[in-house]
Amino acid sequence: SRRDFTINSVMIDTETGEFLDPYLGKRDLKLGNLTVVSKDSFSDDPLRVLRGVQFCSRFNLISDPDTDYLAIDAQKEYDTISRERIWGELAKWCKGNYPSKGLYFLEDSEWINHEPFNIFVPLRTCQQGKKQHPEGNVLYHTCLTVDAAAYYANEANLDEEDRVVLLLSALLHDVGKPATRQESTDNDGNINISFLNHEYVGAELASGVLKVVGT
């Protein structure tokens, strides 16, 4: 009853093969729900929110409103988490086939507002050129990119280290866009959007993020 999420509160009797699932974790796993076991004990360890981020990535889950509410409330304990533990959960996020789902929970839980994740906040309102990027803002573009990177990692059968490098590269590849965004108008009155040298600005920002989490 003091476990974090229902999918993480399932046991098996090794002698009989019987599943012991008092909180319907198997159901939530099948339905794709990230659901808290106990509202009273969830706040025992604030790292549980980041564990939820990597669970969403690895098991294709979406958080329910109660989980979002409890995660938002747990923000006050964010500074008690060591950077090493943050890196541990981020590395597990890289293992998932649905990394965008982890980013969605990071946003819904409002933990995106805390370092090092706050580097992604400006991406939410940074619109791109519709011709080159009809998908919209840079954060959604990043979600599509990390999912594509996970697919490639599977197809290429990358080892764990190379997979982490690829996923983090995809995650951070456009963080320099908000600081370099420029608009111009052509002779026909069309607005063109450019991000000159965003890769160099982004490289410095990405380096700062990785130093924060100790990589």
Protein backbone atom coordinates (compact mmCIF):
# COMPACT_ATOMS: atom_id res chain seq x y z
CA SER A 1 0.00 0.00 0.00
CA ARG A 2 3.02 2.31 0.26
CA ARG A 3 4.23 1.67 -3.28
CA ASP A 4 4.27 4.58 -5.71
CA PHE A 5 2.17 3.57 -8.74
CA THR A 6 -0.30 0.75 -9.27
CA ILE A 7 1.79 -0.79 -12.04
CA ASN A 8 4.62 -1.03 -9.51
CA SER A 9 2.54 -2.80 -6.86
CA VAL A 10 2.09 -6.16 -8.55
CA MET A 11 3.70 -9.35 -7.21
CA ILE A 12 3.81 -12.95 -8.31
CA ASP A 13 3.85 -16.06 -6.16
CA THR A 14 6.87 -17.92 -7.52
CA GLU A 15 5.54 -21.27 -6.32
CA THR A 16 2.03 -21.06 -7.76
CA GLY A 17 2.49 -18.49 -10.53
CA GLU A 18 -0.45 -16.51 -9.11
CA PHE A 19 -0.42 -12.73 -9.58
CA LEU A 20 -1.07 -10.65 -6.49
CA ASP A 21 -2.50 -7.39 -7.74
CA PRO A 22 -4.51 -5.64 -5.01
CA TYR A 23 -4.39 -2.21 -6.70
CA LEU A 24 -5.21 -3.32 -10.27
CA GLY A 25 -1.77 -2.53 -11.65
CA LYS A 26 -2.17 -5.03 -14.50
CA ARG A 27 -5.34 -3.27 -15.57
CA ASP A 28 -3.67 0.14 -15.52
CA LEU A 29 -0.71 -1.19 -17.47
CA LYS A 30 -3.05 -2.56 -20.13
CA LEU A 31 -5.06 0.66 -20.28
CA GLY A 32 -1.96 2.88 -20.25
CA ASN A 33 -2.75 4.65 -16.97
CA LEU A 34 -0.16 6.08 -14.59
CA THR A 35 -2.09 5.88 -11.32
CA VAL A 36 -0.93 6.52 -7.76
CA VAL A 37 -1.49 3.75 -5.20
CA SER A 38 -2.02 5.96 -2.14
CA LYS A 39 -2.62 9.69 -2.00
CA ASP A 40 -1.42 9.65 1.61
CA SER A 41 1.95 8.02 1.02
CA PHE A 42 2.87 9.27 -2.46
CA SER A 43 4.71 12.29 -1.08
CA ASP A 44 7.02 10.05 1.00
CA ASP A 45 9.59 10.30 -1.78
CA PRO A 46 9.44 13.18 -4.32
CA LEU A 47 11.62 11.16 -6.70
CA ARG A 48 8.45 9.23 -7.47
CA VAL A 49 7.44 11.96 -9.88
CA LEU A 50 10.56 11.43 -11.98
CA ARG A 51 10.03 7.69 -11.69
CA GLY A 52 6.62 8.36 -13.22
CA VAL A 53 8.31 10.22 -16.08
CA GLN A 54 10.45 7.22 -16.98
CA PHE A 55 7.54 4.78 -16.44
CA CYS A 56 5.47 6.76 -18.96
CA SER A 57 8.33 6.50 -21.44
CA ARG A 58 8.98 2.81 -20.90
CA PHE A 59 5.40 1.54 -20.62
CA ASN A 60 3.45 3.97 -22.83
CA LEU A 61 1.45 5.57 -20.01
CA ILE A 62 -0.55 8.76 -19.51
CA SER A 63 -1.03 10.19 -16.02
CA ASP A 64 -4.51 10.62 -14.60
CA PRO A 65 -5.69 13.90 -12.98
CA ASP A 66 -5.09 12.68 -9.41
CA THR A 67 -1.53 11.72 -10.28
CA ASP A 68 -0.95 15.13 -11.85
CA TYR A 69 -2.35 16.88 -8.77
CA LEU A 70 -0.12 14.92 -6.36
CA ALA A 71 2.92 15.47 -8.55
CA ILE A 72 2.26 19.21 -8.69
CA ASP A 73 1.98 19.29 -4.91
CA ALA A 74 5.28 17.41 -4.59
CA GLN A 75 7.15 20.26 -6.30
CA LYS A 76 7.92 21.77 -2.91
CA GLU A 77 10.25 18.84 -2.23
CA TYR A 78 12.11 19.07 -5.54
CA ASP A 79 15.24 20.63 -4.06
CA THR A 80 15.67 17.67 -1.70
CA ILE A 81 16.48 15.34 -4.62
CA SER A 82 20.14 14.82 -5.42
CA ARG A 83 21.34 15.41 -8.96
CA GLU A 84 22.60 11.82 -9.10
CA ARG A 85 19.08 10.49 -8.52
CA ILE A 86 17.70 12.84 -11.17
CA TRP A 87 20.23 11.47 -13.65
CA GLY A 88 19.31 7.91 -12.71
CA GLU A 89 15.68 8.45 -13.72
CA LEU A 90 16.61 10.41 -16.84
CA ALA A 91 18.84 7.54 -17.98
CA LYS A 92 15.91 5.14 -17.52
CA TRP A 93 13.71 7.54 -19.53
CA CYS A 94 16.15 7.00 -22.42
CA LYS A 95 15.34 3.27 -22.37
CA GLY A 96 11.69 3.78 -23.27
CA ASN A 97 10.04 3.39 -26.65
CA TYR A 98 7.66 6.29 -25.93
CA PRO A 99 9.89 9.07 -24.52
CA SER A 100 7.40 11.77 -25.50
CA LYS A 101 4.96 10.31 -22.96
CA GLY A 102 7.51 11.06 -20.24
CA LEU A 103 7.82 14.65 -21.46
CA TYR A 104 4.04 15.05 -21.38
CA PHE A 105 3.99 13.98 -17.72
CA LEU A 106 6.94 16.27 -16.98
CA GLU A 107 4.80 19.12 -18.31
CA ASP A 108 1.49 18.05 -16.73
CA SER A 109 3.17 17.65 -13.34
CA GLU A 110 4.74 21.14 -13.70
CA TRP A 111 8.15 19.69 -12.89
CA ILE A 112 9.22 21.12 -16.25
CA ASN A 113 9.57 24.42 -14.35
CA HIS A 114 12.54 23.15 -12.32
CA GLU A 115 16.20 22.92 -13.23
CA PRO A 116 17.44 21.27 -15.40
CA PHE A 117 14.09 20.69 -17.11
CA ASN A 118 13.18 24.39 -17.20
CA ILE A 119 15.32 24.70 -20.30
CA PHE A 120 12.31 23.27 -22.16
CA VAL A 121 9.81 25.90 -20.95
CA PRO A 122 10.61 28.46 -23.70
CA LEU A 123 10.16 25.74 -26.31
CA ARG A 124 6.41 25.63 -25.58
CA THR A 125 5.79 29.09 -27.03
CA CYS A 126 8.51 29.08 -29.68
CA GLN A 127 6.66 28.73 -32.97
CA GLN A 128 8.44 27.56 -36.11
CA GLY A 129 7.87 28.21 -39.78
CA LYS A 130 4.73 26.39 -40.91
CA LYS A 131 6.32 25.30 -44.18
CA GLN A 132 9.32 23.62 -42.56
CA HIS A 133 7.60 22.57 -39.34
CA PRO A 134 3.82 22.22 -39.72
CA GLU A 135 3.73 20.34 -36.39
CA GLY A 136 3.96 23.64 -34.50
CA ASN A 137 6.06 24.69 -31.52
CA VAL A 138 9.55 23.47 -30.70
CA LEU A 139 8.51 21.43 -27.67
CA TYR A 140 6.05 19.34 -29.69
CA HIS A 141 8.70 19.02 -32.40
CA THR A 142 11.06 17.73 -29.71
CA CYS A 143 8.48 15.15 -28.60
CA LEU A 144 8.26 13.84 -32.16
CA THR A 145 12.04 13.80 -32.43
CA VAL A 146 12.68 11.76 -29.28
CA ASP A 147 10.09 9.18 -30.36
CA ALA A 148 11.78 8.91 -33.75
CA ALA A 149 15.15 8.54 -32.01
CA ALA A 150 13.80 5.71 -29.84
CA TYR A 151 12.48 3.95 -32.94
CA TYR A 152 15.84 4.26 -34.66
CA ALA A 153 17.66 3.01 -31.55
CA ASN A 154 15.52 -0.12 -31.63
CA GLU A 155 15.96 -0.67 -35.36
CA ALA A 156 19.73 -0.19 -35.12
CA ASN A 157 19.93 -2.34 -31.97
CA LEU A 158 22.04 0.29 -30.21
CA ASP A 159 23.71 -0.63 -26.95
CA GLU A 160 22.67 1.16 -23.78
CA GLU A 161 25.37 3.83 -23.88
CA ASP A 162 24.77 4.76 -27.52
CA ARG A 163 21.03 4.84 -26.92
CA VAL A 164 21.44 7.32 -24.06
CA VAL A 165 23.66 9.55 -26.23
CA LEU A 166 21.15 9.46 -29.08
CA LEU A 167 18.09 10.14 -26.90
CA LEU A 168 19.73 13.02 -25.04
CA SER A 169 20.91 14.48 -28.34
CA ALA A 170 17.36 14.34 -29.68
CA LEU A 171 16.00 15.82 -26.45
CA LEU A 172 18.39 18.79 -26.47
CA HIS A 173 18.93 19.34 -30.19
CA ASP A 174 16.73 22.45 -30.49
CA VAL A 175 17.04 24.11 -27.06
CA GLY A 176 18.88 27.01 -28.74
CA LYS A 177 15.95 27.97 -30.96
CA PRO A 178 14.08 30.35 -28.60
CA ALA A 179 17.18 32.52 -28.09
CA THR A 180 17.91 32.75 -31.83
CA ARG A 181 14.42 33.08 -33.28
CA GLN A 182 14.03 35.85 -35.86
CA GLU A 183 11.18 36.91 -38.10
CA SER A 184 11.44 38.61 -41.46
CA THR A 185 8.91 39.58 -44.14
CA ASP A 186 9.51 38.88 -47.82
CA ASN A 187 8.34 40.98 -50.75
CA ASP A 188 4.99 39.18 -50.82
CA GLY A 189 4.31 39.95 -47.16
CA ASN A 190 4.97 36.42 -45.98
CA ILE A 191 6.57 36.02 -42.55
CA ASN A 192 9.68 33.87 -42.52
CA ILE A 193 11.08 32.44 -39.30
CA SER A 194 14.75 31.56 -38.88
CA PHE A 195 17.01 30.29 -36.09
CA LEU A 196 20.48 31.34 -37.22
CA ASN A 197 23.26 29.57 -35.28
CA HIS A 198 20.79 27.87 -32.95
CA GLU A 199 22.94 24.75 -32.99
CA TYR A 200 25.87 26.60 -31.39
CA VAL A 201 23.74 28.33 -28.79
CA GLY A 202 21.99 25.03 -28.12
CA ALA A 203 25.29 23.19 -27.67
CA GLU A 204 26.25 25.54 -24.83
CA LEU A 205 22.82 25.21 -23.20
CA ALA A 206 22.88 21.43 -23.53
CA SER A 207 26.31 21.28 -21.95
CA GLY A 208 24.98 23.24 -18.98
CA VAL A 209 22.05 20.84 -18.56
CA LEU A 210 24.31 17.79 -18.60
CA LYS A 211 26.63 19.35 -16.02
CA VAL A 212 23.65 19.94 -13.71
CA VAL A 213 22.73 16.26 -13.72
CA GLY A 214 26.35 15.21 -13.39
CA THR A 215 27.02 13.54 -16.74
